[in-house]
Amino acid sequence: MAATQAIRIYLETSVISAYRFGKESILRATRNFYDMCMEKGYGLYTSDVSLREIDRSSPSVQEKLYRVIEEFRVQIYVLTDEADRLAQEYVRRNVIPSKFRADAEHIAVCSVNGFEVLASWNLRHIVNLRTKIMVKTINTELGYITPNIIRPDEVLASE
């Protein structure tokens, strides 16, 4: 019997940030999420898109967020030309407003790299029904796997 592949979870910037900052309920849910991921051996990933977003923070905030990445051994993917083109398609088709292109880039990195899960607290542009439906439509047309786009507490609820 073949060994099961560990689930790979992409962390959008809000999930990295919520480990240190945010409302008590979000903070608690996020910390429980990280604990569960460590316990289950899930692979945690993000991308240089998140690093760019973190780098716009104050130095003290940057330090705390980079410490989260280090502490949980979050691996970093790069926004490739292929992912950049897919992000542009999401923007072109009005899935994500151009002003929030980084949100499209997060989804594209996940799609191009075949991630099972994209965890985010961004309910406005990422974790919402319209985005999920439109991403699935575009990804299916272009031959990409669509990640499960969910909140960290939804990962916890599925366990």
C-alpha atoms as a PDB file:
ATOM      1  CA  MET A   1       0.000   0.000   0.000  1.00  0.00           C
ATOM      2  CA  ALA A   2       1.430   3.380  -1.030  1.00  0.00           C
ATOM      3  CA  ALA A   3       2.125   6.048   1.574  1.00  0.00           C
ATOM      4  CA  THR A   4      -0.317   8.917   1.542  1.00  0.00           C
ATOM      5  CA  GLN A   5       0.941  12.285   0.363  1.00  0.00           C
ATOM      6  CA  ALA A   6       0.848  15.023   2.999  1.00  0.00           C
ATOM      7  CA  ILE A   7      -1.553  17.840   2.224  1.00  0.00           C
ATOM      8  CA  ARG A   8       0.177  20.979   0.975  1.00  0.00           C
ATOM      9  CA  ILE A   9      -1.377  24.179   2.270  1.00  0.00           C
ATOM     10  CA  TYR A  10      -0.580  27.571   0.796  1.00  0.00           C
ATOM     11  CA  LEU A  11      -0.735  30.397   3.327  1.00  0.00           C
ATOM     12  CA  GLU A  12      -1.907  33.702   1.940  1.00  0.00           C
ATOM     13  CA  THR A  13      -0.420  36.679   3.807  1.00  0.00           C
ATOM     14  CA  SER A  14      -3.450  37.178   6.055  1.00  0.00           C
ATOM     15  CA  VAL A  15      -2.872  33.752   7.644  1.00  0.00           C
ATOM     16  CA  ILE A  16       0.765  34.538   8.377  1.00  0.00           C
ATOM     17  CA  SER A  17      -0.208  37.897   9.852  1.00  0.00           C
ATOM     18  CA  ALA A  18      -3.121  36.507  11.882  1.00  0.00           C
ATOM     19  CA  TYR A  19      -0.749  34.311  13.903  1.00  0.00           C
ATOM     20  CA  ARG A  20       0.582  37.471  15.580  1.00  0.00           C
ATOM     21  CA  PHE A  21      -2.052  40.139  14.968  1.00  0.00           C
ATOM     22  CA  GLY A  22      -5.810  40.409  14.799  1.00  0.00           C
ATOM     23  CA  LYS A  23      -8.976  39.898  16.777  1.00  0.00           C
ATOM     24  CA  GLU A  24      -8.837  37.326  19.548  1.00  0.00           C
ATOM     25  CA  SER A  25     -11.091  34.806  17.755  1.00  0.00           C
ATOM     26  CA  ILE A  26      -9.036  34.976  14.544  1.00  0.00           C
ATOM     27  CA  LEU A  27      -5.767  34.803  16.485  1.00  0.00           C
ATOM     28  CA  ARG A  28      -6.947  31.717  18.393  1.00  0.00           C
ATOM     29  CA  ALA A  29      -8.285  29.981  15.271  1.00  0.00           C
ATOM     30  CA  THR A  30      -5.082  30.720  13.388  1.00  0.00           C
ATOM     31  CA  ARG A  31      -2.868  29.372  16.145  1.00  0.00           C
ATOM     32  CA  ASN A  32      -5.019  26.229  16.391  1.00  0.00           C
ATOM     33  CA  PHE A  33      -4.690  25.870  12.617  1.00  0.00           C
ATOM     34  CA  TYR A  34      -0.885  26.039  12.770  1.00  0.00           C
ATOM     35  CA  ASP A  35      -0.787  23.555  15.653  1.00  0.00           C
ATOM     36  CA  MET A  36      -2.986  21.120  13.756  1.00  0.00           C
ATOM     37  CA  CYS A  37      -0.854  21.466  10.608  1.00  0.00           C
ATOM     38  CA  MET A  38       2.277  20.649  12.597  1.00  0.00           C
ATOM     39  CA  GLU A  39       0.579  17.713  14.314  1.00  0.00           C
ATOM     40  CA  LYS A  40      -0.680  16.268  11.018  1.00  0.00           C
ATOM     41  CA  GLY A  41       2.570  16.932   9.163  1.00  0.00           C
ATOM     42  CA  TYR A  42       0.945  19.148   6.553  1.00  0.00           C
ATOM     43  CA  GLY A  43       3.346  21.071   4.364  1.00  0.00           C
ATOM     44  CA  LEU A  44       3.036  24.842   4.726  1.00  0.00           C
ATOM     45  CA  TYR A  45       3.936  27.119   1.837  1.00  0.00           C
ATOM     46  CA  THR A  46       3.676  30.696   0.750  1.00  0.00           C
ATOM     47  CA  SER A  47       5.289  32.732  -2.020  1.00  0.00           C
ATOM     48  CA  ASP A  48       7.344  35.781  -2.736  1.00  0.00           C
ATOM     49  CA  VAL A  49       3.988  37.542  -3.172  1.00  0.00           C
ATOM     50  CA  SER A  50       3.512  37.272   0.607  1.00  0.00           C
ATOM     51  CA  LEU A  51       7.093  38.365   1.218  1.00  0.00           C
ATOM     52  CA  ARG A  52       6.482  41.514  -0.855  1.00  0.00           C
ATOM     53  CA  GLU A  53       3.351  42.237   1.172  1.00  0.00           C
ATOM     54  CA  ILE A  54       5.172  41.651   4.465  1.00  0.00           C
ATOM     55  CA  ASP A  55       8.010  43.918   3.350  1.00  0.00           C
ATOM     56  CA  ARG A  56       5.548  46.827   3.146  1.00  0.00           C
ATOM     57  CA  SER A  57       5.032  46.554   6.927  1.00  0.00           C
ATOM     58  CA  SER A  58       7.030  48.305   9.622  1.00  0.00           C
ATOM     59  CA  PRO A  59      10.359  46.659  10.549  1.00  0.00           C
ATOM     60  CA  SER A  60       8.965  45.354  13.859  1.00  0.00           C
ATOM     61  CA  VAL A  61       5.955  43.775  12.114  1.00  0.00           C
ATOM     62  CA  GLN A  62       8.214  42.315   9.404  1.00  0.00           C
ATOM     63  CA  GLU A  63      10.392  40.696  12.058  1.00  0.00           C
ATOM     64  CA  LYS A  64       7.388  39.051  13.767  1.00  0.00           C
ATOM     65  CA  LEU A  65       5.933  37.761  10.495  1.00  0.00           C
ATOM     66  CA  TYR A  66       9.246  36.412   9.209  1.00  0.00           C
ATOM     67  CA  ARG A  67       9.597  34.646  12.562  1.00  0.00           C
ATOM     68  CA  VAL A  68       6.251  32.876  11.921  1.00  0.00           C
ATOM     69  CA  ILE A  69       7.515  31.741   8.513  1.00  0.00           C
ATOM     70  CA  GLU A  70      10.726  30.456  10.081  1.00  0.00           C
ATOM     71  CA  GLU A  71       9.103  28.852  13.127  1.00  0.00           C
ATOM     72  CA  PHE A  72       6.675  26.795  11.047  1.00  0.00           C
ATOM     73  CA  ARG A  73       9.220  26.032   8.313  1.00  0.00           C
ATOM     74  CA  VAL A  74       7.011  27.625   5.661  1.00  0.00           C
ATOM     75  CA  GLN A  75       8.542  26.999   2.251  1.00  0.00           C
ATOM     76  CA  ILE A  76       8.589  29.800  -0.307  1.00  0.00           C
ATOM     77  CA  TYR A  77       7.432  29.470  -3.909  1.00  0.00           C
ATOM     78  CA  VAL A  78       8.157  32.066  -6.586  1.00  0.00           C
ATOM     79  CA  LEU A  79       5.623  33.826  -8.784  1.00  0.00           C
ATOM     80  CA  THR A  80       6.683  32.381 -12.132  1.00  0.00           C
ATOM     81  CA  ASP A  81       5.867  33.862 -15.535  1.00  0.00           C
ATOM     82  CA  GLU A  82       3.193  31.176 -15.922  1.00  0.00           C
ATOM     83  CA  ALA A  83       1.569  32.109 -12.599  1.00  0.00           C
ATOM     84  CA  ASP A  84       1.863  35.795 -13.474  1.00  0.00           C
ATOM     85  CA  ARG A  85      -0.033  35.194 -16.736  1.00  0.00           C
ATOM     86  CA  LEU A  86      -2.740  33.262 -14.887  1.00  0.00           C
ATOM     87  CA  ALA A  87      -3.057  36.066 -12.328  1.00  0.00           C
ATOM     88  CA  GLN A  88      -3.455  38.517 -15.200  1.00  0.00           C
ATOM     89  CA  GLU A  89      -6.255  36.344 -16.580  1.00  0.00           C
ATOM     90  CA  TYR A  90      -8.051  36.475 -13.214  1.00  0.00           C
ATOM     91  CA  VAL A  91      -7.763  40.269 -13.273  1.00  0.00           C
ATOM     92  CA  ARG A  92      -8.772  40.513 -16.950  1.00  0.00           C
ATOM     93  CA  ARG A  93     -11.916  38.480 -16.257  1.00  0.00           C
ATOM     94  CA  ASN A  94     -12.773  40.564 -13.178  1.00  0.00           C
ATOM     95  CA  VAL A  95     -12.302  37.765 -10.670  1.00  0.00           C
ATOM     96  CA  ILE A  96      -9.987  40.050  -8.687  1.00  0.00           C
ATOM     97  CA  PRO A  97      -9.844  43.863  -9.082  1.00  0.00           C
ATOM     98  CA  SER A  98      -6.574  45.072 -10.630  1.00  0.00           C
ATOM     99  CA  LYS A  99      -5.897  47.166  -7.516  1.00  0.00           C
ATOM    100  CA  PHE A 100      -5.662  43.881  -5.559  1.00  0.00           C
ATOM    101  CA  ARG A 101      -3.589  41.961  -8.090  1.00  0.00           C
ATOM    102  CA  ALA A 102      -1.540  40.318  -5.312  1.00  0.00           C
ATOM    103  CA  ASP A 103      -4.686  38.378  -4.366  1.00  0.00           C
ATOM    104  CA  ALA A 104      -4.869  37.039  -7.919  1.00  0.00           C
ATOM    105  CA  GLU A 105      -1.170  36.169  -7.735  1.00  0.00           C
ATOM    106  CA  HIS A 106      -1.700  34.085  -4.577  1.00  0.00           C
ATOM    107  CA  ILE A 107      -4.445  32.076  -6.281  1.00  0.00           C
ATOM    108  CA  ALA A 108      -2.354  31.687  -9.436  1.00  0.00           C
ATOM    109  CA  VAL A 109       0.710  30.405  -7.563  1.00  0.00           C
ATOM    110  CA  CYS A 110      -1.524  27.788  -5.935  1.00  0.00           C
ATOM    111  CA  SER A 111      -3.148  26.799  -9.205  1.00  0.00           C
ATOM    112  CA  VAL A 112       0.056  26.529 -11.248  1.00  0.00           C
ATOM    113  CA  ASN A 113       1.765  24.497  -8.526  1.00  0.00           C
ATOM    114  CA  GLY A 114      -1.182  22.172  -7.858  1.00  0.00           C
ATOM    115  CA  PHE A 115      -1.772  23.061  -4.207  1.00  0.00           C
ATOM    116  CA  GLU A 116      -4.639  21.234  -2.543  1.00  0.00           C
ATOM    117  CA  VAL A 117      -5.522  24.118  -0.224  1.00  0.00           C
ATOM    118  CA  LEU A 118      -5.213  27.896  -0.216  1.00  0.00           C
ATOM    119  CA  ALA A 119      -5.844  29.157   3.335  1.00  0.00           C
ATOM    120  CA  SER A 120      -6.804  32.805   3.692  1.00  0.00           C
ATOM    121  CA  TRP A 121      -8.681  35.169   5.957  1.00  0.00           C
ATOM    122  CA  ASN A 122      -9.289  37.506   2.993  1.00  0.00           C
ATOM    123  CA  LEU A 123     -13.040  37.095   2.610  1.00  0.00           C
ATOM    124  CA  ARG A 124     -13.441  40.074   0.324  1.00  0.00           C
ATOM    125  CA  HIS A 125     -11.388  38.924  -2.662  1.00  0.00           C
ATOM    126  CA  ILE A 126     -10.208  35.361  -2.064  1.00  0.00           C
ATOM    127  CA  VAL A 127     -12.457  33.236   0.177  1.00  0.00           C
ATOM    128  CA  ASN A 128     -15.864  33.929  -1.298  1.00  0.00           C
ATOM    129  CA  LEU A 129     -18.245  32.006  -3.493  1.00  0.00           C
ATOM    130  CA  ARG A 130     -17.924  34.239  -6.567  1.00  0.00           C
ATOM    131  CA  THR A 131     -14.129  33.974  -6.577  1.00  0.00           C
ATOM    132  CA  LYS A 132     -14.230  30.216  -6.050  1.00  0.00           C
ATOM    133  CA  ILE A 133     -16.653  29.681  -8.943  1.00  0.00           C
ATOM    134  CA  MET A 134     -14.807  31.964 -11.346  1.00  0.00           C
ATOM    135  CA  VAL A 135     -11.375  30.549 -10.478  1.00  0.00           C
ATOM    136  CA  LYS A 136     -12.683  27.021 -11.032  1.00  0.00           C
ATOM    137  CA  THR A 137     -14.144  28.015 -14.410  1.00  0.00           C
ATOM    138  CA  ILE A 138     -10.924  29.669 -15.608  1.00  0.00           C
ATOM    139  CA  ASN A 139      -8.668  26.944 -14.222  1.00  0.00           C
ATOM    140  CA  THR A 140     -10.752  24.230 -15.863  1.00  0.00           C
ATOM    141  CA  GLU A 141     -10.620  26.044 -19.217  1.00  0.00           C
ATOM    142  CA  LEU A 142      -6.849  26.474 -18.967  1.00  0.00           C
ATOM    143  CA  GLY A 143      -6.064  23.019 -17.552  1.00  0.00           C
ATOM    144  CA  TYR A 144      -5.114  23.937 -13.991  1.00  0.00           C
ATOM    145  CA  ILE A 145      -6.177  22.218 -10.799  1.00  0.00           C
ATOM    146  CA  THR A 146      -8.276  24.461  -8.581  1.00  0.00           C
ATOM    147  CA  PRO A 147      -7.199  24.602  -4.943  1.00  0.00           C
ATOM    148  CA  ASN A 148      -9.738  24.410  -2.143  1.00  0.00           C
ATOM    149  CA  ILE A 149      -9.937  28.079  -1.169  1.00  0.00           C
ATOM    150  CA  ILE A 150     -10.901  28.139   2.498  1.00  0.00           C
ATOM    151  CA  ARG A 151     -10.399  29.860   5.837  1.00  0.00           C
ATOM    152  CA  PRO A 152      -8.008  28.296   8.369  1.00  0.00           C
ATOM    153  CA  ASP A 153     -10.918  27.428  10.669  1.00  0.00           C
ATOM    154  CA  GLU A 154     -12.484  25.454   7.811  1.00  0.00           C
ATOM    155  CA  VAL A 155      -9.326  23.330   7.617  1.00  0.00           C
ATOM    156  CA  LEU A 156      -9.729  22.686  11.345  1.00  0.00           C
ATOM    157  CA  ALA A 157     -13.408  21.809  10.931  1.00  0.00           C
ATOM    158  CA  SER A 158     -12.598  19.173   8.297  1.00  0.00           C
ATOM    159  CA  GLU A 159     -10.341  17.237  10.679  1.00  0.00           C
END
